[in-house]
Amino acid sequence: MAKSHPGACEIRTVRLLKHKRATVFAAWQDKKALDQWWPDHGFKRIFHVKENERIEFDHNDVPKFLAIVTFVDEFQNTKVTLRMMFKTPKECEAEKVTRVAETEATFDRLDAFLKSLPA
């Protein structure tokens, strides 16, 4: 399992989705589903998956960072937390506003995709 960098800075975004965890997790794992809602901005390689709980991957474009996504049941919903861990606080601070806005837009597309699935 990947570890955060010593002295790293983290950007965290959380979204509660009104869908079951297995459905939300599947949207992150199925390539055809992922292509419908995920913007490809340097996220290339998933290197650790714990089924229905956690995904870790590298953002290989500049700036590089480690991304960790967790999936937690919240009643009939799923809480998705995306953590982006940068090597330095300077990189993190420079990216904070942009990354939060992009992640919120990504979560909006994910939610719309999930709502489009048959019940």
C-alpha atoms as a PDB file:
ATOM      1  CA  MET A   1       0.000   0.000   0.000  1.00  0.00           C
ATOM      2  CA  ALA A   2       1.265   3.460  -0.829  1.00  0.00           C
ATOM      3  CA  LYS A   3       2.154   5.871   1.912  1.00  0.00           C
ATOM      4  CA  SER A   4       1.925   9.632   1.949  1.00  0.00           C
ATOM      5  CA  HIS A   5       5.082  11.632   1.593  1.00  0.00           C
ATOM      6  CA  PRO A   6       6.673  12.944   4.808  1.00  0.00           C
ATOM      7  CA  GLY A   7       5.723  16.593   5.216  1.00  0.00           C
ATOM      8  CA  ALA A   8       3.099  16.247   2.508  1.00  0.00           C
ATOM      9  CA  CYS A   9       0.133  18.503   2.112  1.00  0.00           C
ATOM     10  CA  GLU A  10      -3.281  17.067   1.416  1.00  0.00           C
ATOM     11  CA  ILE A  11      -6.343  18.313  -0.429  1.00  0.00           C
ATOM     12  CA  ARG A  12      -9.494  16.452   0.585  1.00  0.00           C
ATOM     13  CA  THR A  13     -12.913  16.527  -1.073  1.00  0.00           C
ATOM     14  CA  VAL A  14     -15.929  14.592   0.205  1.00  0.00           C
ATOM     15  CA  ARG A  15     -19.251  13.843  -1.473  1.00  0.00           C
ATOM     16  CA  LEU A  16     -22.289  11.920  -0.240  1.00  0.00           C
ATOM     17  CA  LEU A  17     -23.888  10.064  -3.139  1.00  0.00           C
ATOM     18  CA  LYS A  18     -27.395   8.597  -2.965  1.00  0.00           C
ATOM     19  CA  HIS A  19     -26.289   5.254  -4.354  1.00  0.00           C
ATOM     20  CA  LYS A  20     -25.092   1.980  -2.861  1.00  0.00           C
ATOM     21  CA  ARG A  21     -21.383   1.590  -2.310  1.00  0.00           C
ATOM     22  CA  ALA A  22     -21.015  -1.347  -4.743  1.00  0.00           C
ATOM     23  CA  THR A  23     -22.619   0.731  -7.517  1.00  0.00           C
ATOM     24  CA  VAL A  24     -20.401   3.749  -6.829  1.00  0.00           C
ATOM     25  CA  PHE A  25     -17.272   1.609  -6.625  1.00  0.00           C
ATOM     26  CA  ALA A  26     -18.172  -0.152  -9.890  1.00  0.00           C
ATOM     27  CA  ALA A  27     -18.361   3.234 -11.632  1.00  0.00           C
ATOM     28  CA  TRP A  28     -14.696   3.749 -10.677  1.00  0.00           C
ATOM     29  CA  GLN A  29     -13.627   0.271 -11.809  1.00  0.00           C
ATOM     30  CA  ASP A  30     -15.465  -0.294 -15.085  1.00  0.00           C
ATOM     31  CA  LYS A  31     -13.530   1.318 -17.961  1.00  0.00           C
ATOM     32  CA  LYS A  32     -16.662   2.014 -20.026  1.00  0.00           C
ATOM     33  CA  ALA A  33     -18.366   3.643 -17.048  1.00  0.00           C
ATOM     34  CA  LEU A  34     -15.258   5.606 -16.105  1.00  0.00           C
ATOM     35  CA  ASP A  35     -14.942   6.969 -19.639  1.00  0.00           C
ATOM     36  CA  GLN A  36     -18.418   8.501 -19.321  1.00  0.00           C
ATOM     37  CA  TRP A  37     -17.736  10.669 -16.276  1.00  0.00           C
ATOM     38  CA  TRP A  38     -13.999  10.805 -15.434  1.00  0.00           C
ATOM     39  CA  PRO A  39     -11.844  13.497 -17.083  1.00  0.00           C
ATOM     40  CA  ASP A  40      -8.425  12.115 -17.963  1.00  0.00           C
ATOM     41  CA  HIS A  41      -6.030  14.654 -16.481  1.00  0.00           C
ATOM     42  CA  GLY A  42      -2.958  12.522 -15.879  1.00  0.00           C
ATOM     43  CA  PHE A  43      -4.579   9.799 -13.771  1.00  0.00           C
ATOM     44  CA  LYS A  44      -3.195   6.755 -15.516  1.00  0.00           C
ATOM     45  CA  ARG A  45      -2.368   3.917 -13.185  1.00  0.00           C
ATOM     46  CA  ILE A  46      -4.351   2.318 -10.410  1.00  0.00           C
ATOM     47  CA  PHE A  47      -1.832   0.571  -8.236  1.00  0.00           C
ATOM     48  CA  HIS A  48      -3.874  -0.549  -5.258  1.00  0.00           C
ATOM     49  CA  VAL A  49      -7.516  -1.541  -4.959  1.00  0.00           C
ATOM     50  CA  LYS A  50      -9.376  -2.858  -1.932  1.00  0.00           C
ATOM     51  CA  GLU A  51     -12.741  -3.984  -3.303  1.00  0.00           C
ATOM     52  CA  ASN A  52     -15.615  -1.600  -2.487  1.00  0.00           C
ATOM     53  CA  GLU A  53     -13.440   0.333  -0.006  1.00  0.00           C
ATOM     54  CA  ARG A  54     -10.374   2.060  -1.431  1.00  0.00           C
ATOM     55  CA  ILE A  55      -8.507   2.940  -4.623  1.00  0.00           C
ATOM     56  CA  GLU A  56      -5.040   4.514  -4.795  1.00  0.00           C
ATOM     57  CA  PHE A  57      -3.436   5.898  -7.912  1.00  0.00           C
ATOM     58  CA  ASP A  58      -0.773   8.280  -9.153  1.00  0.00           C
ATOM     59  CA  HIS A  59      -1.411  11.522 -10.937  1.00  0.00           C
ATOM     60  CA  ASN A  60       1.468  11.322 -13.398  1.00  0.00           C
ATOM     61  CA  ASP A  61       1.115  14.767 -14.942  1.00  0.00           C
ATOM     62  CA  VAL A  62       2.555  17.937 -13.396  1.00  0.00           C
ATOM     63  CA  PRO A  63       2.215  18.298 -10.515  1.00  0.00           C
ATOM     64  CA  LYS A  64       2.528  14.686  -9.481  1.00  0.00           C
ATOM     65  CA  PHE A  65       0.579  13.499  -6.467  1.00  0.00           C
ATOM     66  CA  LEU A  66      -0.854  10.413  -4.835  1.00  0.00           C
ATOM     67  CA  ALA A  67      -4.656  10.111  -4.901  1.00  0.00           C
ATOM     68  CA  ILE A  68      -6.599   7.955  -2.454  1.00  0.00           C
ATOM     69  CA  VAL A  69     -10.343   7.424  -2.841  1.00  0.00           C
ATOM     70  CA  THR A  70     -12.345   5.806  -0.057  1.00  0.00           C
ATOM     71  CA  PHE A  71     -15.932   4.543  -0.125  1.00  0.00           C
ATOM     72  CA  VAL A  72     -17.958   4.334   3.109  1.00  0.00           C
ATOM     73  CA  ASP A  73     -21.598   3.344   3.673  1.00  0.00           C
ATOM     74  CA  GLU A  74     -23.709   6.127   5.150  1.00  0.00           C
ATOM     75  CA  PHE A  75     -27.188   4.674   5.675  1.00  0.00           C
ATOM     76  CA  GLN A  76     -28.398   3.974   2.097  1.00  0.00           C
ATOM     77  CA  ASN A  77     -25.782   6.329   0.643  1.00  0.00           C
ATOM     78  CA  THR A  78     -22.053   6.259  -0.038  1.00  0.00           C
ATOM     79  CA  LYS A  79     -19.556   8.790   1.263  1.00  0.00           C
ATOM     80  CA  VAL A  80     -16.726   9.175  -1.262  1.00  0.00           C
ATOM     81  CA  THR A  81     -13.577  10.911  -0.071  1.00  0.00           C
ATOM     82  CA  LEU A  82     -10.854  11.868  -2.539  1.00  0.00           C
ATOM     83  CA  ARG A  83      -7.527  12.776  -0.963  1.00  0.00           C
ATOM     84  CA  MET A  84      -4.726  14.239  -3.084  1.00  0.00           C
ATOM     85  CA  MET A  85      -1.326  14.171  -1.379  1.00  0.00           C
ATOM     86  CA  PHE A  86       1.426  16.349  -2.736  1.00  0.00           C
ATOM     87  CA  LYS A  87       5.135  16.058  -1.971  1.00  0.00           C
ATOM     88  CA  THR A  88       5.443  19.619  -0.718  1.00  0.00           C
ATOM     89  CA  PRO A  89       3.130  22.161   0.903  1.00  0.00           C
ATOM     90  CA  LYS A  90       4.094  24.633  -1.849  1.00  0.00           C
ATOM     91  CA  GLU A  91       2.781  22.310  -4.599  1.00  0.00           C
ATOM     92  CA  CYS A  92      -0.357  21.656  -2.586  1.00  0.00           C
ATOM     93  CA  GLU A  93      -1.145  25.300  -1.921  1.00  0.00           C
ATOM     94  CA  ALA A  94      -0.582  26.189  -5.572  1.00  0.00           C
ATOM     95  CA  GLU A  95      -3.127  23.539  -6.645  1.00  0.00           C
ATOM     96  CA  LYS A  96      -5.755  23.812  -3.903  1.00  0.00           C
ATOM     97  CA  VAL A  97      -8.367  26.060  -5.551  1.00  0.00           C
ATOM     98  CA  THR A  98      -8.134  24.395  -8.967  1.00  0.00           C
ATOM     99  CA  ARG A  99      -8.136  20.820  -7.658  1.00  0.00           C
ATOM    100  CA  VAL A 100     -11.119  21.335  -5.347  1.00  0.00           C
ATOM    101  CA  ALA A 101     -13.166  22.873  -8.175  1.00  0.00           C
ATOM    102  CA  GLU A 102     -12.173  20.101 -10.595  1.00  0.00           C
ATOM    103  CA  THR A 103     -12.990  17.398  -8.058  1.00  0.00           C
ATOM    104  CA  GLU A 104     -16.401  18.898  -7.325  1.00  0.00           C
ATOM    105  CA  ALA A 105     -17.145  18.957 -11.072  1.00  0.00           C
ATOM    106  CA  THR A 106     -15.967  15.336 -11.357  1.00  0.00           C
ATOM    107  CA  PHE A 107     -18.227  14.318  -8.473  1.00  0.00           C
ATOM    108  CA  ASP A 108     -21.121  16.126 -10.223  1.00  0.00           C
ATOM    109  CA  ARG A 109     -20.488  14.078 -13.389  1.00  0.00           C
ATOM    110  CA  LEU A 110     -20.231  10.873 -11.337  1.00  0.00           C
ATOM    111  CA  ASP A 111     -23.539  11.611  -9.622  1.00  0.00           C
ATOM    112  CA  ALA A 112     -25.235  12.345 -12.956  1.00  0.00           C
ATOM    113  CA  PHE A 113     -23.830   9.114 -14.407  1.00  0.00           C
ATOM    114  CA  LEU A 114     -25.080   7.086 -11.428  1.00  0.00           C
ATOM    115  CA  LYS A 115     -28.538   8.661 -11.710  1.00  0.00           C
ATOM    116  CA  SER A 116     -28.664   7.619 -15.379  1.00  0.00           C
ATOM    117  CA  LEU A 117     -28.230   3.923 -14.513  1.00  0.00           C
ATOM    118  CA  PRO A 118     -31.294   1.678 -14.511  1.00  0.00           C
ATOM    119  CA  ALA A 119     -32.771   1.196 -11.039  1.00  0.00           C
END
